[in-house]
Each structure stands twice: as C-alpha cells, then as structure tokens.
Amino acid sequence: PQAIERVVDEVRDLLRPDQLLITIAA
C-alpha cells in the first residue's frame, strides 16, 4: 500500500482510458 501512490505518479501520464486496473492492496 505504501508504494502505490509513488508508482502511480510514475506511470499516470501513460494510462489509457481502456486499461483495466486491478489492485490487491489492503
């Protein structure tokens, strides 16, 4: 959980609207 925001910040600009995001973080 503590790493998600940092990694999402890293890749945010590459996300496409059709991509499915599946998360297992408590």
PDB file of all heavy atoms in Angstrom:
ATOM      1  N   PRO A   1       0.798  -1.230   0.000  1.00  0.00           N
ATOM      2  CA  PRO A   1       0.000   0.000   0.000  1.00  0.00           C
ATOM      3  C   PRO A   1       0.830   1.280   0.000  1.00  0.00           C
ATOM      4  O   PRO A   1       0.500   2.246  -0.694  1.00  0.00           O
ATOM      5  CB  PRO A   1      -0.832  -0.124   1.285  1.00  0.00           C
ATOM      6  CG  PRO A   1      -0.955  -1.592   1.500  1.00  0.00           C
ATOM      7  CD  PRO A   1       0.350  -2.190   1.031  1.00  0.00           C
ATOM      8  N   GLN A   2       1.926   1.281   0.751  1.00  0.00           N
ATOM      9  CA  GLN A   2       2.719   2.497   0.866  1.00  0.00           C
ATOM     10  C   GLN A   2       3.480   2.844  -0.402  1.00  0.00           C
ATOM     11  O   GLN A   2       3.980   3.960  -0.547  1.00  0.00           O
ATOM     12  CB  GLN A   2       3.691   2.401   2.050  1.00  0.00           C
ATOM     13  CG  GLN A   2       4.663   1.234   1.986  1.00  0.00           C
ATOM     14  CD  GLN A   2       4.141  -0.013   2.673  1.00  0.00           C
ATOM     15  OE1 GLN A   2       2.924  -0.225   2.743  1.00  0.00           O
ATOM     16  NE2 GLN A   2       5.032  -0.830   3.209  1.00  0.00           N
ATOM     17  N   ALA A   3       3.577   1.893  -1.338  1.00  0.00           N
ATOM     18  CA  ALA A   3       4.320   2.142  -2.581  1.00  0.00           C
ATOM     19  C   ALA A   3       3.418   2.537  -3.743  1.00  0.00           C
ATOM     20  O   ALA A   3       3.898   3.002  -4.778  1.00  0.00           O
ATOM     21  CB  ALA A   3       5.122   0.896  -2.965  1.00  0.00           C
ATOM     22  N   ILE A   4       2.110   2.371  -3.585  1.00  0.00           N
ATOM     23  CA  ILE A   4       1.210   2.550  -4.724  1.00  0.00           C
ATOM     24  C   ILE A   4       1.214   3.975  -5.251  1.00  0.00           C
ATOM     25  O   ILE A   4       1.336   4.200  -6.462  1.00  0.00           O
ATOM     26  CB  ILE A   4      -0.217   2.114  -4.351  1.00  0.00           C
ATOM     27  CG1 ILE A   4      -0.264   0.587  -4.214  1.00  0.00           C
ATOM     28  CG2 ILE A   4      -1.219   2.571  -5.398  1.00  0.00           C
ATOM     29  CD1 ILE A   4      -1.630   0.039  -3.893  1.00  0.00           C
ATOM     30  N   GLU A   5       1.075   4.943  -4.382  1.00  0.00           N
ATOM     31  CA  GLU A   5       0.968   6.329  -4.855  1.00  0.00           C
ATOM     32  C   GLU A   5       2.213   6.754  -5.622  1.00  0.00           C
ATOM     33  O   GLU A   5       2.123   7.413  -6.661  1.00  0.00           O
ATOM     34  CB  GLU A   5       0.704   7.279  -3.686  1.00  0.00           C
ATOM     35  CG  GLU A   5       0.392   8.693  -4.140  1.00  0.00           C
ATOM     36  CD  GLU A   5      -0.205   9.540  -3.031  1.00  0.00           C
ATOM     37  OE1 GLU A   5      -0.254   9.077  -1.874  1.00  0.00           O
ATOM     38  OE2 GLU A   5      -0.636  10.675  -3.333  1.00  0.00           O
ATOM     39  N   ARG A   6       3.380   6.362  -5.120  1.00  0.00           N
ATOM     40  CA  ARG A   6       4.634   6.724  -5.810  1.00  0.00           C
ATOM     41  C   ARG A   6       4.681   6.123  -7.203  1.00  0.00           C
ATOM     42  O   ARG A   6       5.032   6.806  -8.181  1.00  0.00           O
ATOM     43  CB  ARG A   6       5.837   6.244  -4.991  1.00  0.00           C
ATOM     44  CG  ARG A   6       7.180   6.413  -5.702  1.00  0.00           C
ATOM     45  CD  ARG A   6       8.321   5.877  -4.865  1.00  0.00           C
ATOM     46  NE  ARG A   6       8.161   4.475  -4.527  1.00  0.00           N
ATOM     47  CZ  ARG A   6       8.446   3.478  -5.365  1.00  0.00           C
ATOM     48  NH1 ARG A   6       8.871   3.730  -6.610  1.00  0.00           N
ATOM     49  NH2 ARG A   6       8.302   2.224  -4.972  1.00  0.00           N
ATOM     50  N   VAL A   7       4.312   4.847  -7.344  1.00  0.00           N
ATOM     51  CA  VAL A   7       4.385   4.181  -8.639  1.00  0.00           C
ATOM     52  C   VAL A   7       3.294   4.706  -9.576  1.00  0.00           C
ATOM     53  O   VAL A   7       3.538   4.898 -10.772  1.00  0.00           O
ATOM     54  CB  VAL A   7       4.276   2.648  -8.466  1.00  0.00           C
ATOM     55  CG1 VAL A   7       4.237   1.966  -9.828  1.00  0.00           C
ATOM     56  CG2 VAL A   7       5.461   2.133  -7.650  1.00  0.00           C
ATOM     57  N   VAL A   8       2.110   4.974  -9.042  1.00  0.00           N
ATOM     58  CA  VAL A   8       1.047   5.539  -9.879  1.00  0.00           C
ATOM     59  C   VAL A   8       1.472   6.904 -10.413  1.00  0.00           C
ATOM     60  O   VAL A   8       1.224   7.230 -11.581  1.00  0.00           O
ATOM     61  CB  VAL A   8      -0.278   5.632  -9.095  1.00  0.00           C
ATOM     62  CG1 VAL A   8      -1.297   6.484  -9.864  1.00  0.00           C
ATOM     63  CG2 VAL A   8      -0.846   4.240  -8.855  1.00  0.00           C
ATOM     64  N   ASP A   9       2.102   7.717  -9.582  1.00  0.00           N
ATOM     65  CA  ASP A   9       2.619   9.009 -10.040  1.00  0.00           C
ATOM     66  C   ASP A   9       3.588   8.822 -11.208  1.00  0.00           C
ATOM     67  O   ASP A   9       3.604   9.622 -12.155  1.00  0.00           O
ATOM     68  CB  ASP A   9       3.346   9.725  -8.905  1.00  0.00           C
ATOM     69  CG  ASP A   9       2.386  10.370  -7.917  1.00  0.00           C
ATOM     70  OD1 ASP A   9       1.203  10.532  -8.266  1.00  0.00           O
ATOM     71  OD2 ASP A   9       2.812  10.711  -6.804  1.00  0.00           O
ATOM     72  N   GLU A  10       4.363   7.762 -11.129  1.00  0.00           N
ATOM     73  CA  GLU A  10       5.378   7.492 -12.150  1.00  0.00           C
ATOM     74  C   GLU A  10       4.768   7.155 -13.505  1.00  0.00           C
ATOM     75  O   GLU A  10       5.316   7.522 -14.549  1.00  0.00           O
ATOM     76  CB  GLU A  10       6.255   6.327 -11.660  1.00  0.00           C
ATOM     77  CG  GLU A  10       7.349   5.892 -12.621  1.00  0.00           C
ATOM     78  CD  GLU A  10       8.075   4.636 -12.152  1.00  0.00           C
ATOM     79  OE1 GLU A  10       7.913   4.267 -10.957  1.00  0.00           O
ATOM     80  OE2 GLU A  10       8.777   4.022 -12.970  1.00  0.00           O
ATOM     81  N   VAL A  11       3.619   6.483 -13.512  1.00  0.00           N
ATOM     82  CA  VAL A  11       3.060   5.977 -14.775  1.00  0.00           C
ATOM     83  C   VAL A  11       1.757   6.661 -15.188  1.00  0.00           C
ATOM     84  O   VAL A  11       1.207   6.348 -16.244  1.00  0.00           O
ATOM     85  CB  VAL A  11       2.824   4.455 -14.685  1.00  0.00           C
ATOM     86  CG1 VAL A  11       4.109   3.724 -14.337  1.00  0.00           C
ATOM     87  CG2 VAL A  11       1.722   4.113 -13.675  1.00  0.00           C
ATOM     88  N   ARG A  12       1.280   7.600 -14.388  1.00  0.00           N
ATOM     89  CA  ARG A  12      -0.042   8.184 -14.613  1.00  0.00           C
ATOM     90  C   ARG A  12      -0.245   8.709 -16.030  1.00  0.00           C
ATOM     91  O   ARG A  12      -1.284   8.484 -16.662  1.00  0.00           O
ATOM     92  CB  ARG A  12      -0.292   9.319 -13.622  1.00  0.00           C
ATOM     93  CG  ARG A  12      -1.653   9.993 -13.790  1.00  0.00           C
ATOM     94  CD  ARG A  12      -1.788  11.253 -12.967  1.00  0.00           C
ATOM     95  NE  ARG A  12      -1.645  10.993 -11.550  1.00  0.00           N
ATOM     96  CZ  ARG A  12      -0.614  11.436 -10.823  1.00  0.00           C
ATOM     97  NH1 ARG A  12       0.346  12.143 -11.392  1.00  0.00           N
ATOM     98  NH2 ARG A  12      -0.546  11.170  -9.547  1.00  0.00           N
ATOM     99  N   ASP A  13       0.751   9.403 -16.561  1.00  0.00           N
ATOM    100  CA  ASP A  13       0.581  10.042 -17.871  1.00  0.00           C
ATOM    101  C   ASP A  13       0.519   9.040 -19.020  1.00  0.00           C
ATOM    102  O   ASP A  13       0.165   9.412 -20.145  1.00  0.00           O
ATOM    103  CB  ASP A  13       1.721  11.042 -18.119  1.00  0.00           C
ATOM    104  CG  ASP A  13       3.087  10.368 -18.143  1.00  0.00           C
ATOM    105  OD1 ASP A  13       3.411   9.633 -17.187  1.00  0.00           O
ATOM    106  OD2 ASP A  13       3.830  10.560 -19.123  1.00  0.00           O
ATOM    107  N   LEU A  14       0.813   7.764 -18.736  1.00  0.00           N
ATOM    108  CA  LEU A  14       0.793   6.747 -19.787  1.00  0.00           C
ATOM    109  C   LEU A  14      -0.496   5.930 -19.788  1.00  0.00           C
ATOM    110  O   LEU A  14      -0.718   5.135 -20.704  1.00  0.00           O
ATOM    111  CB  LEU A  14       1.986   5.799 -19.624  1.00  0.00           C
ATOM    112  CG  LEU A  14       3.370   6.431 -19.807  1.00  0.00           C
ATOM    113  CD1 LEU A  14       4.451   5.426 -19.450  1.00  0.00           C
ATOM    114  CD2 LEU A  14       3.548   6.927 -21.226  1.00  0.00           C
ATOM    115  N   LEU A  15      -1.336   6.116 -18.786  1.00  0.00           N
ATOM    116  CA  LEU A  15      -2.555   5.322 -18.700  1.00  0.00           C
ATOM    117  C   LEU A  15      -3.530   5.701 -19.813  1.00  0.00           C
ATOM    118  O   LEU A  15      -3.743   6.876 -20.108  1.00  0.00           O
ATOM    119  CB  LEU A  15      -3.233   5.532 -17.342  1.00  0.00           C
ATOM    120  CG  LEU A  15      -2.507   4.960 -16.119  1.00  0.00           C
ATOM    121  CD1 LEU A  15      -3.231   5.357 -14.841  1.00  0.00           C
ATOM    122  CD2 LEU A  15      -2.383   3.439 -16.219  1.00  0.00           C
ATOM    123  N   ARG A  16      -4.134   4.664 -20.416  1.00  0.00           N
ATOM    124  CA  ARG A  16      -5.167   4.865 -21.427  1.00  0.00           C
ATOM    125  C   ARG A  16      -6.533   4.582 -20.798  1.00  0.00           C
ATOM    126  O   ARG A  16      -6.638   3.736 -19.899  1.00  0.00           O
ATOM    127  CB  ARG A  16      -4.956   3.917 -22.614  1.00  0.00           C
ATOM    128  CG  ARG A  16      -3.597   4.025 -23.277  1.00  0.00           C
ATOM    129  CD  ARG A  16      -3.559   3.184 -24.560  1.00  0.00           C
ATOM    130  NE  ARG A  16      -4.059   1.831 -24.372  1.00  0.00           N
ATOM    131  CZ  ARG A  16      -3.324   0.814 -23.921  1.00  0.00           C
ATOM    132  NH1 ARG A  16      -2.040   0.999 -23.623  1.00  0.00           N
ATOM    133  NH2 ARG A  16      -3.848  -0.396 -23.784  1.00  0.00           N
ATOM    134  N   PRO A  17      -7.589   5.230 -21.267  1.00  0.00           N
ATOM    135  CA  PRO A  17      -8.915   5.052 -20.648  1.00  0.00           C
ATOM    136  C   PRO A  17      -9.419   3.623 -20.676  1.00  0.00           C
ATOM    137  O   PRO A  17     -10.231   3.239 -19.835  1.00  0.00           O
ATOM    138  CB  PRO A  17      -9.814   5.968 -21.487  1.00  0.00           C
ATOM    139  CG  PRO A  17      -8.898   6.961 -22.099  1.00  0.00           C
ATOM    140  CD  PRO A  17      -7.606   6.242 -22.333  1.00  0.00           C
ATOM    141  N   ASP A  18      -8.957   2.807 -21.631  1.00  0.00           N
ATOM    142  CA  ASP A  18      -9.465   1.443 -21.762  1.00  0.00           C
ATOM    143  C   ASP A  18      -8.711   0.435 -20.904  1.00  0.00           C
ATOM    144  O   ASP A  18      -9.083  -0.740 -20.859  1.00  0.00           O
ATOM    145  CB  ASP A  18      -9.395   1.001 -23.231  1.00  0.00           C
ATOM    146  CG  ASP A  18      -7.965   0.984 -23.756  1.00  0.00           C
ATOM    147  OD1 ASP A  18      -7.211   1.944 -23.467  1.00  0.00           O
ATOM    148  OD2 ASP A  18      -7.588   0.009 -24.442  1.00  0.00           O
ATOM    149  N   GLN A  19      -7.669   0.855 -20.223  1.00  0.00           N
ATOM    150  CA  GLN A  19      -6.885  -0.083 -19.417  1.00  0.00           C
ATOM    151  C   GLN A  19      -7.603  -0.419 -18.112  1.00  0.00           C
ATOM    152  O   GLN A  19      -8.046   0.471 -17.388  1.00  0.00           O
ATOM    153  CB  GLN A  19      -5.504   0.498 -19.112  1.00  0.00           C
ATOM    154  CG  GLN A  19      -4.561   0.508 -20.303  1.00  0.00           C
ATOM    155  CD  GLN A  19      -3.256   1.213 -19.977  1.00  0.00           C
ATOM    156  OE1 GLN A  19      -3.253   2.347 -19.489  1.00  0.00           O
ATOM    157  NE2 GLN A  19      -2.136   0.555 -20.244  1.00  0.00           N
ATOM    158  N   LEU A  20      -7.693  -1.713 -17.810  1.00  0.00           N
ATOM    159  CA  LEU A  20      -8.274  -2.167 -16.548  1.00  0.00           C
ATOM    160  C   LEU A  20      -7.186  -2.208 -15.484  1.00  0.00           C
ATOM    161  O   LEU A  20      -6.128  -2.797 -15.685  1.00  0.00           O
ATOM    162  CB  LEU A  20      -8.888  -3.563 -16.724  1.00  0.00           C
ATOM    163  CG  LEU A  20      -9.305  -4.296 -15.446  1.00  0.00           C
ATOM    164  CD1 LEU A  20     -10.373  -3.521 -14.679  1.00  0.00           C
ATOM    165  CD2 LEU A  20      -9.786  -5.709 -15.788  1.00  0.00           C
ATOM    166  N   LEU A  21      -7.465  -1.597 -14.335  1.00  0.00           N
ATOM    167  CA  LEU A  21      -6.542  -1.613 -13.205  1.00  0.00           C
ATOM    168  C   LEU A  21      -7.112  -2.538 -12.137  1.00  0.00           C
ATOM    169  O   LEU A  21      -8.254  -2.363 -11.689  1.00  0.00           O
ATOM    170  CB  LEU A  21      -6.352  -0.209 -12.630  1.00  0.00           C
ATOM    171  CG  LEU A  21      -6.006   0.911 -13.620  1.00  0.00           C
ATOM    172  CD1 LEU A  21      -5.834   2.238 -12.882  1.00  0.00           C
ATOM    173  CD2 LEU A  21      -4.751   0.568 -14.417  1.00  0.00           C
ATOM    174  N   ILE A  22      -6.336  -3.530 -11.740  1.00  0.00           N
ATOM    175  CA  ILE A  22      -6.734  -4.460 -10.682  1.00  0.00           C
ATOM    176  C   ILE A  22      -5.771  -4.279  -9.516  1.00  0.00           C
ATOM    177  O   ILE A  22      -4.556  -4.391  -9.689  1.00  0.00           O
ATOM    178  CB  ILE A  22      -6.685  -5.920 -11.169  1.00  0.00           C
ATOM    179  CG1 ILE A  22      -7.649  -6.131 -12.340  1.00  0.00           C
ATOM    180  CG2 ILE A  22      -7.020  -6.878 -10.032  1.00  0.00           C
ATOM    181  CD1 ILE A  22      -7.569  -7.523 -12.956  1.00  0.00           C
ATOM    182  N   THR A  23      -6.300  -3.991  -8.336  1.00  0.00           N
ATOM    183  CA  THR A  23      -5.454  -3.766  -7.171  1.00  0.00           C
ATOM    184  C   THR A  23      -5.750  -4.785  -6.083  1.00  0.00           C
ATOM    185  O   THR A  23      -6.905  -5.149  -5.866  1.00  0.00           O
ATOM    186  CB  THR A  23      -5.638  -2.343  -6.606  1.00  0.00           C
ATOM    187  OG1 THR A  23      -4.906  -2.219  -5.380  1.00  0.00           O
ATOM    188  CG2 THR A  23      -7.096  -2.030  -6.342  1.00  0.00           C
ATOM    189  N   ILE A  24      -4.701  -5.258  -5.411  1.00  0.00           N
ATOM    190  CA  ILE A  24      -4.875  -6.199  -4.309  1.00  0.00           C
ATOM    191  C   ILE A  24      -4.377  -5.611  -2.993  1.00  0.00           C
ATOM    192  O   ILE A  24      -4.246  -6.317  -1.997  1.00  0.00           O
ATOM    193  CB  ILE A  24      -4.150  -7.544  -4.584  1.00  0.00           C
ATOM    194  CG1 ILE A  24      -2.625  -7.339  -4.636  1.00  0.00           C
ATOM    195  CG2 ILE A  24      -4.659  -8.183  -5.862  1.00  0.00           C
ATOM    196  CD1 ILE A  24      -1.853  -8.642  -4.653  1.00  0.00           C
ATOM    197  N   ALA A  25      -4.124  -4.312  -2.971  1.00  0.00           N
ATOM    198  CA  ALA A  25      -3.564  -3.678  -1.781  1.00  0.00           C
ATOM    199  C   ALA A  25      -4.618  -3.516  -0.694  1.00  0.00           C
ATOM    200  O   ALA A  25      -5.692  -2.958  -0.938  1.00  0.00           O
ATOM    201  CB  ALA A  25      -2.974  -2.321  -2.138  1.00  0.00           C
ATOM    202  N   ALA A  26      -4.321  -3.982   0.497  1.00  0.00           N
ATOM    203  CA  ALA A  26      -5.226  -3.813   1.625  1.00  0.00           C
ATOM    204  C   ALA A  26      -5.310  -2.337   2.003  1.00  0.00           C
ATOM    205  O   ALA A  26      -4.304  -1.628   2.028  1.00  0.00           O
ATOM    206  CB  ALA A  26      -4.741  -4.631   2.818  1.00  0.00           C
TER     207      ALA A  26
END
